[in-house]
Amino acid sequence: MKGNPEERAVLLGEYIVENNATVRKAAQVFCISKSTIHKDVTTKLKKINPALAKQVAKVLAVNKSQRHLRGGAATKEKYQQMKKKCSNFSGEQ
């Protein structure tokens, strides 16, 4: 996503607030690096639209506080899938 960095920052901020999206999810949707997303919504957005920047900061704070839970859930799912695959090969049913 090329173009005007100010417009991009506002667009990213609106997306994050509307969807309670993580930086990683926004990076996937907009095909931009996580560091660019973070720089746009934390630094540039404060100068352009301080009210939106505050809303984005709240969403990012919630995401940050929950990341250990999401990581644990993802790891649990990974090992459950691996266990399921392994049980198919060992003859267990």
C-alpha atoms as a PDB file:
ATOM      1  CA  MET A   1       0.000   0.000   0.000  1.00  0.00           C
ATOM      2  CA  LYS A   2       1.849   3.009  -1.272  1.00  0.00           C
ATOM      3  CA  GLY A   3       0.672   6.566  -1.317  1.00  0.00           C
ATOM      4  CA  ASN A   4       0.323   9.381   1.139  1.00  0.00           C
ATOM      5  CA  PRO A   5       1.685   8.312   4.559  1.00  0.00           C
ATOM      6  CA  GLU A   6      -0.786  10.564   6.400  1.00  0.00           C
ATOM      7  CA  GLU A   7      -3.779   9.015   4.640  1.00  0.00           C
ATOM      8  CA  ARG A   8      -2.332   5.556   5.269  1.00  0.00           C
ATOM      9  CA  ALA A   9      -1.937   6.284   8.985  1.00  0.00           C
ATOM     10  CA  VAL A  10      -5.563   7.395   9.294  1.00  0.00           C
ATOM     11  CA  LEU A  11      -6.802   4.417   7.276  1.00  0.00           C
ATOM     12  CA  LEU A  12      -4.784   2.009   9.428  1.00  0.00           C
ATOM     13  CA  GLY A  13      -5.995   3.656  12.628  1.00  0.00           C
ATOM     14  CA  GLU A  14      -9.620   3.422  11.557  1.00  0.00           C
ATOM     15  CA  TYR A  15      -9.187  -0.237  10.599  1.00  0.00           C
ATOM     16  CA  ILE A  16      -7.588  -1.129  13.936  1.00  0.00           C
ATOM     17  CA  VAL A  17     -10.298   0.637  15.949  1.00  0.00           C
ATOM     18  CA  GLU A  18     -13.237  -0.712  13.913  1.00  0.00           C
ATOM     19  CA  ASN A  19     -11.997  -4.305  13.951  1.00  0.00           C
ATOM     20  CA  ASN A  20     -10.103  -4.385  17.258  1.00  0.00           C
ATOM     21  CA  ALA A  21      -7.289  -5.622  15.070  1.00  0.00           C
ATOM     22  CA  THR A  22      -3.776  -6.430  16.135  1.00  0.00           C
ATOM     23  CA  VAL A  23      -0.798  -4.857  14.392  1.00  0.00           C
ATOM     24  CA  ARG A  24      -0.065  -8.264  12.889  1.00  0.00           C
ATOM     25  CA  LYS A  25      -3.580  -8.594  11.464  1.00  0.00           C
ATOM     26  CA  ALA A  26      -3.473  -5.069  10.019  1.00  0.00           C
ATOM     27  CA  ALA A  27      -0.101  -5.846   8.453  1.00  0.00           C
ATOM     28  CA  GLN A  28      -1.573  -8.918   6.752  1.00  0.00           C
ATOM     29  CA  VAL A  29      -4.621  -7.042   5.479  1.00  0.00           C
ATOM     30  CA  PHE A  30      -2.703  -4.032   4.144  1.00  0.00           C
ATOM     31  CA  CYS A  31       0.425  -5.942   3.051  1.00  0.00           C
ATOM     32  CA  ILE A  32       2.706  -3.667   5.058  1.00  0.00           C
ATOM     33  CA  SER A  33       5.313  -4.604   7.645  1.00  0.00           C
ATOM     34  CA  LYS A  34       4.350  -4.647  11.315  1.00  0.00           C
ATOM     35  CA  SER A  35       6.966  -2.011  12.077  1.00  0.00           C
ATOM     36  CA  THR A  36       5.476   0.353   9.485  1.00  0.00           C
ATOM     37  CA  ILE A  37       1.984  -0.164  10.903  1.00  0.00           C
ATOM     38  CA  HIS A  38       3.220   0.491  14.419  1.00  0.00           C
ATOM     39  CA  LYS A  39       5.174   3.606  13.390  1.00  0.00           C
ATOM     40  CA  ASP A  40       2.193   5.001  11.486  1.00  0.00           C
ATOM     41  CA  VAL A  41      -0.393   4.486  14.226  1.00  0.00           C
ATOM     42  CA  THR A  42       1.784   5.510  17.168  1.00  0.00           C
ATOM     43  CA  THR A  43       3.878   8.381  15.824  1.00  0.00           C
ATOM     44  CA  LYS A  44       2.337   9.824  12.671  1.00  0.00           C
ATOM     45  CA  LEU A  45      -1.269   9.450  13.756  1.00  0.00           C
ATOM     46  CA  LYS A  46      -0.664  11.476  16.946  1.00  0.00           C
ATOM     47  CA  LYS A  47       0.241  14.484  14.821  1.00  0.00           C
ATOM     48  CA  ILE A  48      -2.569  14.026  12.304  1.00  0.00           C
ATOM     49  CA  ASN A  49      -5.530  12.903  14.422  1.00  0.00           C
ATOM     50  CA  PRO A  50      -4.865  12.800  18.181  1.00  0.00           C
ATOM     51  CA  ALA A  51      -8.366  11.541  19.033  1.00  0.00           C
ATOM     52  CA  LEU A  52      -8.049   8.560  16.714  1.00  0.00           C
ATOM     53  CA  ALA A  53      -4.531   7.941  18.012  1.00  0.00           C
ATOM     54  CA  LYS A  54      -5.922   7.635  21.556  1.00  0.00           C
ATOM     55  CA  GLN A  55      -8.516   5.101  20.410  1.00  0.00           C
ATOM     56  CA  VAL A  56      -5.848   3.096  18.599  1.00  0.00           C
ATOM     57  CA  ALA A  57      -3.613   3.213  21.682  1.00  0.00           C
ATOM     58  CA  LYS A  58      -6.442   1.714  23.763  1.00  0.00           C
ATOM     59  CA  VAL A  59      -6.948  -1.144  21.289  1.00  0.00           C
ATOM     60  CA  LEU A  60      -3.207  -1.815  21.125  1.00  0.00           C
ATOM     61  CA  ALA A  61      -2.975  -1.782  24.929  1.00  0.00           C
ATOM     62  CA  VAL A  62      -5.725  -4.398  25.176  1.00  0.00           C
ATOM     63  CA  ASN A  63      -4.030  -6.505  22.512  1.00  0.00           C
ATOM     64  CA  LYS A  64      -0.718  -6.225  24.328  1.00  0.00           C
ATOM     65  CA  SER A  65      -2.291  -7.286  27.624  1.00  0.00           C
ATOM     66  CA  GLN A  66      -3.841 -10.336  25.941  1.00  0.00           C
ATOM     67  CA  ARG A  67      -0.929 -11.456  23.814  1.00  0.00           C
ATOM     68  CA  HIS A  68       0.336 -14.027  26.307  1.00  0.00           C
ATOM     69  CA  LEU A  69      -3.119 -15.607  26.327  1.00  0.00           C
ATOM     70  CA  ARG A  70      -3.319 -15.676  22.545  1.00  0.00           C
ATOM     71  CA  GLY A  71       0.153 -17.154  22.311  1.00  0.00           C
ATOM     72  CA  GLY A  72      -0.712 -19.847  24.825  1.00  0.00           C
ATOM     73  CA  ALA A  73      -3.914 -20.713  22.980  1.00  0.00           C
ATOM     74  CA  ALA A  74      -2.055 -20.909  19.668  1.00  0.00           C
ATOM     75  CA  THR A  75       0.594 -23.180  21.177  1.00  0.00           C
ATOM     76  CA  LYS A  76      -2.070 -25.411  22.722  1.00  0.00           C
ATOM     77  CA  GLU A  77      -3.848 -25.694  19.365  1.00  0.00           C
ATOM     78  CA  LYS A  78      -0.565 -26.483  17.620  1.00  0.00           C
ATOM     79  CA  TYR A  79       0.227 -29.364  19.961  1.00  0.00           C
ATOM     80  CA  GLN A  80      -3.327 -30.711  19.843  1.00  0.00           C
ATOM     81  CA  GLN A  81      -3.110 -30.838  16.045  1.00  0.00           C
ATOM     82  CA  MET A  82       0.293 -32.510  16.238  1.00  0.00           C
ATOM     83  CA  LYS A  83      -1.026 -35.072  18.731  1.00  0.00           C
ATOM     84  CA  LYS A  84      -3.979 -35.772  16.466  1.00  0.00           C
ATOM     85  CA  LYS A  85      -1.698 -36.343  13.467  1.00  0.00           C
ATOM     86  CA  CYS A  86       0.649 -38.589  15.451  1.00  0.00           C
ATOM     87  CA  SER A  87      -2.193 -40.711  16.801  1.00  0.00           C
ATOM     88  CA  ASN A  88      -3.311 -41.385  13.221  1.00  0.00           C
ATOM     89  CA  PHE A  89       0.124 -42.797  12.406  1.00  0.00           C
ATOM     90  CA  SER A  90       0.500 -44.898  15.535  1.00  0.00           C
ATOM     91  CA  GLY A  91      -2.641 -46.901  14.872  1.00  0.00           C
ATOM     92  CA  GLU A  92      -4.594 -45.400  17.781  1.00  0.00           C
ATOM     93  CA  GLN A  93      -8.187 -44.522  17.080  1.00  0.00           C
END
